[in-house]
N, C-alpha and C. Protein backbone atom coordinates (compact mmCIF):
# COMPACT_ATOMS: atom_id res chain seq x y z
N MET A 1 127.01 99.82 87.08
CA MET A 1 126.44 98.74 86.31
C MET A 1 125.19 98.24 87.02
N SER A 2 124.14 97.99 86.26
CA SER A 2 122.89 97.54 86.86
C SER A 2 123.05 96.11 87.38
N ARG A 3 122.15 95.74 88.23
CA ARG A 3 122.16 94.40 88.83
C ARG A 3 122.01 93.34 87.74
N VAL A 4 121.15 93.56 86.76
CA VAL A 4 120.93 92.60 85.68
C VAL A 4 122.22 92.43 84.86
N ALA A 5 122.89 93.53 84.56
CA ALA A 5 124.14 93.47 83.79
C ALA A 5 125.22 92.74 84.57
N THR A 6 125.29 92.96 85.88
CA THR A 6 126.26 92.27 86.73
C THR A 6 126.00 90.77 86.71
N ILE A 7 124.75 90.38 86.83
CA ILE A 7 124.40 88.95 86.81
C ILE A 7 124.73 88.35 85.45
N GLN A 8 124.46 89.07 84.37
CA GLN A 8 124.78 88.58 83.03
C GLN A 8 126.29 88.41 82.86
N CYS A 9 127.08 89.37 83.31
CA CYS A 9 128.55 89.28 83.21
C CYS A 9 129.06 88.09 84.02
N ALA A 10 128.52 87.92 85.21
CA ALA A 10 128.94 86.78 86.05
C ALA A 10 128.58 85.47 85.37
N GLY A 11 127.41 85.42 84.76
CA GLY A 11 126.99 84.20 84.05
C GLY A 11 127.89 83.89 82.87
N VAL A 12 128.25 84.91 82.10
CA VAL A 12 129.15 84.72 80.95
C VAL A 12 130.53 84.26 81.44
N ALA A 13 131.03 84.88 82.51
CA ALA A 13 132.33 84.49 83.05
C ALA A 13 132.30 83.04 83.54
N PHE A 14 131.25 82.67 84.25
CA PHE A 14 131.12 81.29 84.73
C PHE A 14 131.05 80.32 83.56
N ALA A 15 130.27 80.65 82.54
CA ALA A 15 130.16 79.78 81.36
C ALA A 15 131.51 79.64 80.66
N GLY A 16 132.26 80.72 80.57
CA GLY A 16 133.59 80.67 79.95
C GLY A 16 134.55 79.79 80.73
N ILE A 17 134.54 79.93 82.04
CA ILE A 17 135.41 79.10 82.89
C ILE A 17 135.01 77.64 82.76
N ALA A 18 133.71 77.37 82.77
CA ALA A 18 133.23 75.99 82.62
C ALA A 18 133.64 75.40 81.27
N ALA A 19 133.56 76.21 80.22
CA ALA A 19 133.93 75.72 78.88
C ALA A 19 135.42 75.41 78.80
N VAL A 20 136.26 76.29 79.35
CA VAL A 20 137.71 76.05 79.34
C VAL A 20 138.05 74.81 80.17
N THR A 21 137.41 74.67 81.32
CA THR A 21 137.64 73.51 82.18
C THR A 21 137.24 72.23 81.46
N ALA A 22 136.07 72.22 80.84
CA ALA A 22 135.60 71.03 80.13
C ALA A 22 136.52 70.69 78.96
N ALA A 23 136.95 71.71 78.22
CA ALA A 23 137.85 71.47 77.09
C ALA A 23 139.18 70.89 77.58
N GLY A 24 139.68 71.41 78.68
CA GLY A 24 140.92 70.89 79.24
C GLY A 24 140.77 69.45 79.70
N TRP A 25 139.66 69.17 80.39
CA TRP A 25 139.42 67.81 80.88
C TRP A 25 139.29 66.84 79.71
N LEU A 26 138.49 67.20 78.73
CA LEU A 26 138.30 66.33 77.58
C LEU A 26 139.58 66.21 76.75
N GLY A 27 140.43 67.22 76.79
CA GLY A 27 141.70 67.19 76.07
C GLY A 27 142.79 66.45 76.82
N GLY A 28 142.47 65.93 78.01
CA GLY A 28 143.44 65.15 78.78
C GLY A 28 144.34 65.97 79.67
N TYR A 29 143.97 67.20 79.99
CA TYR A 29 144.81 68.03 80.84
C TYR A 29 144.33 67.94 82.28
N ARG A 30 145.28 67.89 83.21
CA ARG A 30 144.97 67.84 84.63
C ARG A 30 145.93 68.76 85.37
N ILE A 31 145.49 69.24 86.52
CA ILE A 31 146.35 70.07 87.36
C ILE A 31 146.77 69.23 88.55
N ASN A 32 148.08 69.13 88.76
CA ASN A 32 148.61 68.42 89.92
C ASN A 32 148.86 69.42 91.04
N THR A 33 148.26 69.14 92.21
CA THR A 33 148.45 70.01 93.37
C THR A 33 149.12 69.26 94.52
N THR A 34 149.64 68.06 94.24
CA THR A 34 150.31 67.29 95.29
C THR A 34 151.82 67.32 95.07
N PRO A 35 152.60 67.17 96.14
CA PRO A 35 154.06 67.27 96.00
C PRO A 35 154.76 66.01 95.48
N SER A 36 154.01 64.95 95.16
CA SER A 36 154.66 63.72 94.68
C SER A 36 155.40 63.94 93.37
N TYR A 37 154.90 64.85 92.55
CA TYR A 37 155.54 65.25 91.29
C TYR A 37 155.36 66.75 91.17
N PRO A 38 156.08 67.41 90.26
CA PRO A 38 155.98 68.87 90.17
C PRO A 38 154.54 69.37 90.04
N LEU A 39 154.29 70.49 90.69
CA LEU A 39 152.97 71.12 90.65
C LEU A 39 152.73 71.73 89.28
N GLY A 40 151.47 71.79 88.87
CA GLY A 40 151.13 72.47 87.64
C GLY A 40 150.29 71.66 86.69
N LEU A 41 150.36 72.03 85.42
CA LEU A 41 149.53 71.44 84.37
C LEU A 41 150.22 70.24 83.74
N TRP A 42 149.48 69.12 83.67
CA TRP A 42 149.95 67.87 83.09
C TRP A 42 148.97 67.42 82.02
N ARG A 43 149.45 66.61 81.09
CA ARG A 43 148.60 66.06 80.04
C ARG A 43 148.64 64.54 80.10
N ILE A 44 147.48 63.92 79.91
CA ILE A 44 147.39 62.47 79.82
C ILE A 44 147.51 62.08 78.35
N GLU A 45 148.51 61.26 78.05
CA GLU A 45 148.69 60.76 76.69
C GLU A 45 148.21 59.32 76.64
N PRO A 46 147.25 59.01 75.78
CA PRO A 46 146.79 57.62 75.67
C PRO A 46 147.96 56.68 75.39
N LEU A 47 147.91 55.52 75.99
CA LEU A 47 148.98 54.54 75.87
C LEU A 47 148.56 53.45 74.89
N GLY A 48 149.25 53.33 73.78
CA GLY A 48 148.91 52.35 72.77
C GLY A 48 149.64 51.03 72.95
N ARG A 49 150.09 50.77 74.16
CA ARG A 49 150.81 49.55 74.49
C ARG A 49 150.60 49.26 75.96
N ASP A 50 151.12 48.14 76.43
CA ASP A 50 151.07 47.86 77.86
C ASP A 50 152.03 48.79 78.58
N ALA A 51 151.66 49.22 79.76
CA ALA A 51 152.56 50.04 80.56
C ALA A 51 153.77 49.21 80.96
N ALA A 52 154.91 49.88 81.09
CA ALA A 52 156.15 49.20 81.41
C ALA A 52 156.84 49.89 82.58
N VAL A 53 157.77 49.17 83.19
CA VAL A 53 158.58 49.75 84.26
C VAL A 53 159.25 51.01 83.72
N GLY A 54 159.17 52.07 84.51
CA GLY A 54 159.74 53.36 84.12
C GLY A 54 158.73 54.34 83.58
N ASP A 55 157.54 53.86 83.21
CA ASP A 55 156.50 54.77 82.70
C ASP A 55 155.93 55.62 83.82
N LEU A 56 155.82 56.91 83.57
CA LEU A 56 155.15 57.84 84.47
C LEU A 56 153.71 57.90 84.00
N VAL A 57 152.77 57.52 84.88
CA VAL A 57 151.38 57.33 84.46
C VAL A 57 150.39 58.09 85.33
N PHE A 58 149.22 58.34 84.73
CA PHE A 58 148.02 58.73 85.46
C PHE A 58 147.23 57.45 85.65
N ILE A 59 146.77 57.20 86.87
CA ILE A 59 146.00 55.99 87.14
C ILE A 59 144.96 56.29 88.21
N CYS A 60 143.76 55.76 88.01
CA CYS A 60 142.70 55.91 89.01
C CYS A 60 142.92 54.91 90.13
N PRO A 61 142.85 55.37 91.37
CA PRO A 61 143.00 54.44 92.49
C PRO A 61 141.76 53.56 92.64
N PRO A 62 141.95 52.34 93.11
CA PRO A 62 140.79 51.47 93.35
C PRO A 62 140.04 51.91 94.60
N LEU A 63 138.80 51.50 94.71
CA LEU A 63 137.99 51.84 95.89
C LEU A 63 138.28 50.81 96.98
N THR A 64 139.30 51.10 97.78
CA THR A 64 139.71 50.21 98.86
C THR A 64 139.77 51.00 100.16
N PRO A 65 139.79 50.31 101.30
CA PRO A 65 139.92 51.02 102.57
C PRO A 65 141.18 51.91 102.64
N ALA A 66 142.27 51.46 102.03
CA ALA A 66 143.50 52.27 102.04
C ALA A 66 143.27 53.62 101.37
N PHE A 67 142.52 53.63 100.27
CA PHE A 67 142.28 54.90 99.58
C PHE A 67 141.19 55.71 100.25
N GLU A 68 140.27 55.07 100.95
CA GLU A 68 139.31 55.84 101.75
C GLU A 68 140.05 56.60 102.84
N THR A 69 140.98 55.92 103.51
CA THR A 69 141.79 56.57 104.54
C THR A 69 142.65 57.67 103.93
N ALA A 70 143.24 57.39 102.76
CA ALA A 70 144.07 58.40 102.08
C ALA A 70 143.27 59.66 101.78
N PHE A 71 142.02 59.50 101.35
CA PHE A 71 141.19 60.66 101.08
C PHE A 71 140.87 61.41 102.38
N GLU A 72 140.49 60.66 103.42
CA GLU A 72 140.17 61.29 104.71
C GLU A 72 141.36 62.08 105.26
N ARG A 73 142.56 61.59 105.04
CA ARG A 73 143.77 62.25 105.54
C ARG A 73 144.27 63.36 104.61
N GLY A 74 143.69 63.47 103.42
CA GLY A 74 144.10 64.51 102.49
C GLY A 74 145.26 64.14 101.59
N TYR A 75 145.62 62.85 101.54
CA TYR A 75 146.70 62.41 100.65
C TYR A 75 146.25 62.49 99.18
N ILE A 76 144.98 62.24 98.94
CA ILE A 76 144.41 62.35 97.60
C ILE A 76 143.16 63.23 97.70
N ARG A 77 142.76 63.74 96.57
CA ARG A 77 141.65 64.69 96.54
C ARG A 77 140.48 64.15 95.71
N ARG A 78 139.43 64.94 95.64
CA ARG A 78 138.28 64.59 94.81
C ARG A 78 138.65 64.71 93.34
N GLY A 79 138.03 63.88 92.52
CA GLY A 79 138.28 63.91 91.09
C GLY A 79 137.23 63.12 90.36
N LEU A 80 137.52 62.76 89.12
CA LEU A 80 136.53 62.09 88.29
C LEU A 80 136.77 60.59 88.13
N CYS A 81 137.62 60.02 88.98
CA CYS A 81 137.80 58.56 88.99
C CYS A 81 136.65 57.95 89.79
N PRO A 82 136.46 56.62 89.71
CA PRO A 82 135.43 55.97 90.52
C PRO A 82 135.58 56.37 91.99
N GLY A 83 134.44 56.55 92.65
CA GLY A 83 134.44 56.99 94.03
C GLY A 83 134.74 58.47 94.17
N ARG A 84 134.76 59.18 93.02
CA ARG A 84 135.05 60.61 92.98
C ARG A 84 136.44 60.94 93.52
N LEU A 85 137.39 60.02 93.28
CA LEU A 85 138.77 60.26 93.68
C LEU A 85 139.57 60.81 92.50
N SER A 86 140.62 61.53 92.82
CA SER A 86 141.50 62.09 91.80
C SER A 86 142.50 61.04 91.33
N PRO A 87 142.87 61.08 90.05
CA PRO A 87 143.89 60.13 89.58
C PRO A 87 145.25 60.43 90.23
N LEU A 88 146.06 59.40 90.32
CA LEU A 88 147.41 59.51 90.85
C LEU A 88 148.39 59.70 89.69
N ILE A 89 149.48 60.41 89.95
CA ILE A 89 150.61 60.44 89.03
C ILE A 89 151.71 59.67 89.75
N LYS A 90 152.12 58.55 89.17
CA LYS A 90 153.16 57.70 89.78
C LYS A 90 153.98 57.04 88.69
N THR A 91 155.13 56.53 89.07
CA THR A 91 156.00 55.79 88.17
C THR A 91 155.79 54.30 88.39
N VAL A 92 155.63 53.55 87.32
CA VAL A 92 155.53 52.10 87.40
C VAL A 92 156.93 51.58 87.68
N VAL A 93 157.11 50.87 88.81
CA VAL A 93 158.43 50.34 89.15
C VAL A 93 158.46 48.82 89.18
N ALA A 94 157.29 48.19 89.12
CA ALA A 94 157.23 46.72 89.03
C ALA A 94 155.90 46.34 88.40
N THR A 95 155.93 45.29 87.60
CA THR A 95 154.73 44.80 86.93
C THR A 95 154.51 43.33 87.31
N GLU A 96 153.48 42.75 86.74
CA GLU A 96 153.09 41.40 87.12
C GLU A 96 154.26 40.41 87.10
N GLY A 97 154.28 39.62 88.17
CA GLY A 97 155.30 38.58 88.29
C GLY A 97 156.58 39.03 88.98
N GLN A 98 156.78 40.33 89.15
CA GLN A 98 157.99 40.79 89.81
C GLN A 98 157.82 40.74 91.32
N THR A 99 158.92 40.46 92.01
CA THR A 99 158.91 40.33 93.47
C THR A 99 159.31 41.64 94.12
N VAL A 100 158.52 42.07 95.10
CA VAL A 100 158.78 43.29 95.85
C VAL A 100 158.96 42.90 97.31
N ASP A 101 160.11 43.25 97.89
CA ASP A 101 160.38 43.01 99.30
C ASP A 101 160.37 44.34 100.03
N ILE A 102 159.74 44.34 101.20
CA ILE A 102 159.62 45.56 101.99
C ILE A 102 160.36 45.37 103.30
N GLY A 103 161.28 46.26 103.59
CA GLY A 103 161.99 46.30 104.86
C GLY A 103 162.04 47.76 105.27
N GLU A 104 163.25 48.26 105.55
CA GLU A 104 163.39 49.70 105.78
C GLU A 104 163.26 50.46 104.47
N HIS A 105 163.53 49.75 103.36
CA HIS A 105 163.41 50.28 102.00
C HIS A 105 162.71 49.22 101.15
N VAL A 106 162.40 49.58 99.93
CA VAL A 106 161.79 48.65 98.98
C VAL A 106 162.88 48.03 98.12
N TRP A 107 162.75 46.74 97.87
CA TRP A 107 163.65 46.00 96.99
C TRP A 107 162.80 45.34 95.92
N ILE A 108 163.20 45.48 94.67
CA ILE A 108 162.46 44.86 93.56
C ILE A 108 163.40 43.89 92.86
N GLU A 109 162.98 42.65 92.80
CA GLU A 109 163.81 41.61 92.18
C GLU A 109 165.23 41.63 92.76
N GLY A 110 165.33 41.84 94.08
CA GLY A 110 166.63 41.82 94.75
C GLY A 110 167.46 43.08 94.64
N ARG A 111 166.93 44.12 93.99
CA ARG A 111 167.66 45.38 93.84
C ARG A 111 166.96 46.48 94.63
N PRO A 112 167.72 47.30 95.36
CA PRO A 112 167.08 48.37 96.13
C PRO A 112 166.47 49.43 95.21
N LEU A 113 165.33 49.94 95.61
CA LEU A 113 164.66 51.01 94.89
C LEU A 113 165.05 52.34 95.52
N ALA A 114 165.62 53.24 94.75
CA ALA A 114 166.05 54.55 95.27
C ALA A 114 164.88 55.32 95.85
N HIS A 115 165.15 56.08 96.88
CA HIS A 115 164.16 56.96 97.51
C HIS A 115 162.92 56.18 97.96
N SER A 116 163.13 55.02 98.57
CA SER A 116 161.99 54.18 98.94
C SER A 116 161.93 53.88 100.43
N GLU A 117 162.40 54.81 101.24
CA GLU A 117 162.34 54.60 102.68
C GLU A 117 160.90 54.33 103.11
N ILE A 118 160.75 53.44 104.07
CA ILE A 118 159.43 53.15 104.62
C ILE A 118 159.27 53.97 105.89
N HIS A 119 158.18 54.71 105.95
CA HIS A 119 157.89 55.55 107.13
C HIS A 119 156.80 54.87 107.96
N ILE A 120 156.91 54.99 109.27
CA ILE A 120 155.89 54.40 110.15
C ILE A 120 154.80 55.40 110.49
N SER A 121 155.03 56.68 110.14
CA SER A 121 154.00 57.69 110.36
C SER A 121 154.11 58.76 109.29
N ASP A 122 152.99 59.48 109.07
CA ASP A 122 153.01 60.56 108.09
C ASP A 122 153.51 61.84 108.75
N SER A 123 153.49 62.94 108.03
CA SER A 123 154.03 64.21 108.55
C SER A 123 153.25 64.75 109.74
N GLU A 124 152.04 64.24 109.96
CA GLU A 124 151.24 64.67 111.11
C GLU A 124 151.26 63.65 112.24
N GLY A 125 152.14 62.64 112.13
CA GLY A 125 152.28 61.66 113.19
C GLY A 125 151.28 60.52 113.15
N ARG A 126 150.45 60.45 112.11
CA ARG A 126 149.47 59.36 112.00
C ARG A 126 150.16 58.11 111.47
N ALA A 127 149.79 56.97 112.04
CA ALA A 127 150.43 55.70 111.69
C ALA A 127 150.23 55.34 110.22
N LEU A 128 151.31 54.84 109.62
CA LEU A 128 151.27 54.29 108.26
C LEU A 128 151.58 52.81 108.34
N SER A 129 150.87 52.02 107.57
CA SER A 129 151.11 50.59 107.52
C SER A 129 151.67 50.23 106.15
N PRO A 130 152.93 49.80 106.11
CA PRO A 130 153.48 49.43 104.80
C PRO A 130 152.84 48.15 104.28
N TRP A 131 152.83 48.04 102.96
CA TRP A 131 152.39 46.81 102.31
C TRP A 131 153.36 45.72 102.73
N HIS A 132 152.90 44.49 102.80
CA HIS A 132 153.71 43.37 103.29
C HIS A 132 154.73 42.86 102.28
N GLY A 133 154.60 43.25 101.02
CA GLY A 133 155.51 42.76 99.99
C GLY A 133 154.98 41.49 99.37
N GLY A 134 155.63 41.04 98.30
CA GLY A 134 155.23 39.83 97.61
C GLY A 134 155.38 39.98 96.11
N THR A 135 154.70 39.11 95.40
CA THR A 135 154.75 39.13 93.94
C THR A 135 153.60 39.97 93.41
N VAL A 136 153.90 40.84 92.45
CA VAL A 136 152.87 41.68 91.85
C VAL A 136 151.96 40.77 91.02
N PRO A 137 150.65 40.77 91.33
CA PRO A 137 149.71 39.89 90.61
C PRO A 137 149.53 40.30 89.14
N SER A 138 149.04 39.39 88.37
CA SER A 138 148.71 39.64 86.96
C SER A 138 147.70 40.78 86.88
N GLY A 139 147.94 41.73 85.98
CA GLY A 139 147.02 42.84 85.79
C GLY A 139 147.17 43.95 86.81
N TYR A 140 148.30 43.99 87.51
CA TYR A 140 148.53 45.01 88.54
C TYR A 140 149.87 45.69 88.32
N PHE A 141 150.02 46.89 88.92
CA PHE A 141 151.28 47.64 88.90
C PHE A 141 151.68 47.96 90.34
N TYR A 142 152.97 48.01 90.56
CA TYR A 142 153.52 48.54 91.80
C TYR A 142 154.05 49.93 91.44
N LEU A 143 153.56 50.97 92.12
CA LEU A 143 153.82 52.36 91.77
C LEU A 143 154.67 53.05 92.82
N HIS A 144 155.44 54.04 92.37
CA HIS A 144 156.35 54.73 93.29
C HIS A 144 156.53 56.19 92.87
N SER A 145 156.89 57.00 93.86
CA SER A 145 157.31 58.38 93.62
C SER A 145 158.57 58.60 94.44
N ASP A 146 159.53 59.34 93.89
CA ASP A 146 160.77 59.63 94.61
C ASP A 146 160.56 60.56 95.80
N PHE A 147 159.41 61.24 95.85
CA PHE A 147 159.12 62.15 96.96
C PHE A 147 158.99 61.34 98.24
N SER A 148 159.76 61.69 99.24
CA SER A 148 159.83 60.94 100.49
C SER A 148 158.46 60.72 101.14
N GLY A 149 157.60 61.73 101.09
CA GLY A 149 156.30 61.64 101.75
C GLY A 149 155.19 61.12 100.85
N SER A 150 155.53 60.55 99.72
CA SER A 150 154.50 60.10 98.78
C SER A 150 153.69 58.93 99.33
N PHE A 151 152.40 58.98 99.07
CA PHE A 151 151.52 57.85 99.36
C PHE A 151 151.49 57.02 98.08
N ASP A 152 152.24 55.93 98.09
CA ASP A 152 152.36 55.11 96.90
C ASP A 152 152.27 53.64 97.29
N SER A 153 152.68 52.76 96.41
CA SER A 153 152.51 51.32 96.66
C SER A 153 153.27 50.82 97.87
N ARG A 154 154.18 51.62 98.41
CA ARG A 154 154.82 51.23 99.67
C ARG A 154 153.76 51.00 100.74
N TYR A 155 152.64 51.72 100.63
CA TYR A 155 151.60 51.67 101.66
C TYR A 155 150.30 51.03 101.18
N PHE A 156 149.96 51.12 99.91
CA PHE A 156 148.71 50.52 99.44
C PHE A 156 148.91 49.28 98.59
N GLY A 157 150.15 48.93 98.28
CA GLY A 157 150.43 47.72 97.51
C GLY A 157 150.16 47.93 96.02
N PRO A 158 150.25 46.86 95.25
CA PRO A 158 149.97 46.96 93.81
C PRO A 158 148.51 47.35 93.56
N ILE A 159 148.27 48.08 92.48
CA ILE A 159 146.90 48.43 92.14
C ILE A 159 146.57 47.97 90.72
N PRO A 160 145.27 47.78 90.45
CA PRO A 160 144.86 47.23 89.15
C PRO A 160 145.22 48.13 87.97
N ALA A 161 145.72 47.50 86.93
CA ALA A 161 146.05 48.21 85.69
C ALA A 161 144.80 48.73 85.00
N THR A 162 143.64 48.23 85.38
CA THR A 162 142.39 48.68 84.75
C THR A 162 142.13 50.16 84.98
N GLY A 163 142.75 50.74 86.00
CA GLY A 163 142.58 52.17 86.29
C GLY A 163 143.50 53.06 85.49
N LEU A 164 144.36 52.48 84.65
CA LEU A 164 145.34 53.25 83.89
C LEU A 164 144.64 54.21 82.92
N LEU A 165 144.99 55.49 83.01
CA LEU A 165 144.44 56.50 82.11
C LEU A 165 145.39 56.81 80.96
N GLY A 166 146.70 56.69 81.21
CA GLY A 166 147.70 56.96 80.18
C GLY A 166 148.98 57.49 80.78
N LEU A 167 149.90 57.84 79.90
CA LEU A 167 151.18 58.41 80.33
C LEU A 167 150.98 59.83 80.83
N ALA A 168 151.79 60.23 81.80
CA ALA A 168 151.72 61.59 82.35
C ALA A 168 152.86 62.42 81.78
N HIS A 169 152.49 63.54 81.16
CA HIS A 169 153.49 64.45 80.59
C HIS A 169 153.31 65.84 81.18
N PRO A 170 154.39 66.40 81.76
CA PRO A 170 154.29 67.76 82.28
C PRO A 170 154.14 68.76 81.13
N VAL A 171 153.27 69.75 81.32
CA VAL A 171 153.06 70.80 80.31
C VAL A 171 153.64 72.11 80.83
N LEU A 172 153.19 72.52 81.99
CA LEU A 172 153.66 73.76 82.62
C LEU A 172 153.73 73.48 84.12
N THR A 173 154.91 73.09 84.60
CA THR A 173 155.04 72.66 85.98
C THR A 173 156.19 73.38 86.67
N PHE A 174 156.20 73.31 87.99
CA PHE A 174 157.29 73.87 88.77
C PHE A 174 157.43 73.08 90.06
N ASP A 175 158.66 73.02 90.58
CA ASP A 175 158.91 72.36 91.85
C ASP A 175 158.68 73.36 92.96
N PRO A 176 157.94 72.94 93.99
CA PRO A 176 157.68 73.88 95.10
C PRO A 176 158.93 74.21 95.89
């Protein structure tokens, strides 16, 4: 194959990949590569109501020092949220006005939250600082993942509901 034909084929292949990627992004599809939830293809479903406890959501993280550190440590990746961060997939476990107590585990409204152990360091031995606990402010969510090593509200606290993208639905996923 001539050099010109090779360049043309590469260009067509690149354009095809770009078109499929753009269609997927615009169609609300995302690929999860973190262990907090099953790996694979997920879809964002627009939410026509307020998010509620128990909802599995896609949400953009706020631009805070906690998320800058999370990016530097590789807990979150690059994406199309503000600050070029990737959206999180987490479960809403407390909403505005609910009380969250932090000890060795998380307690919400006086009830223990399953799989909520507080770790003092990550898997590489780097210090983790748990959120101090308190009442979830108006317009915020407290988020959680059952994955033991998840970077969730145990460490960054409640985050603004303004970053909510929608419900998270698995399309083609697998557990590692």
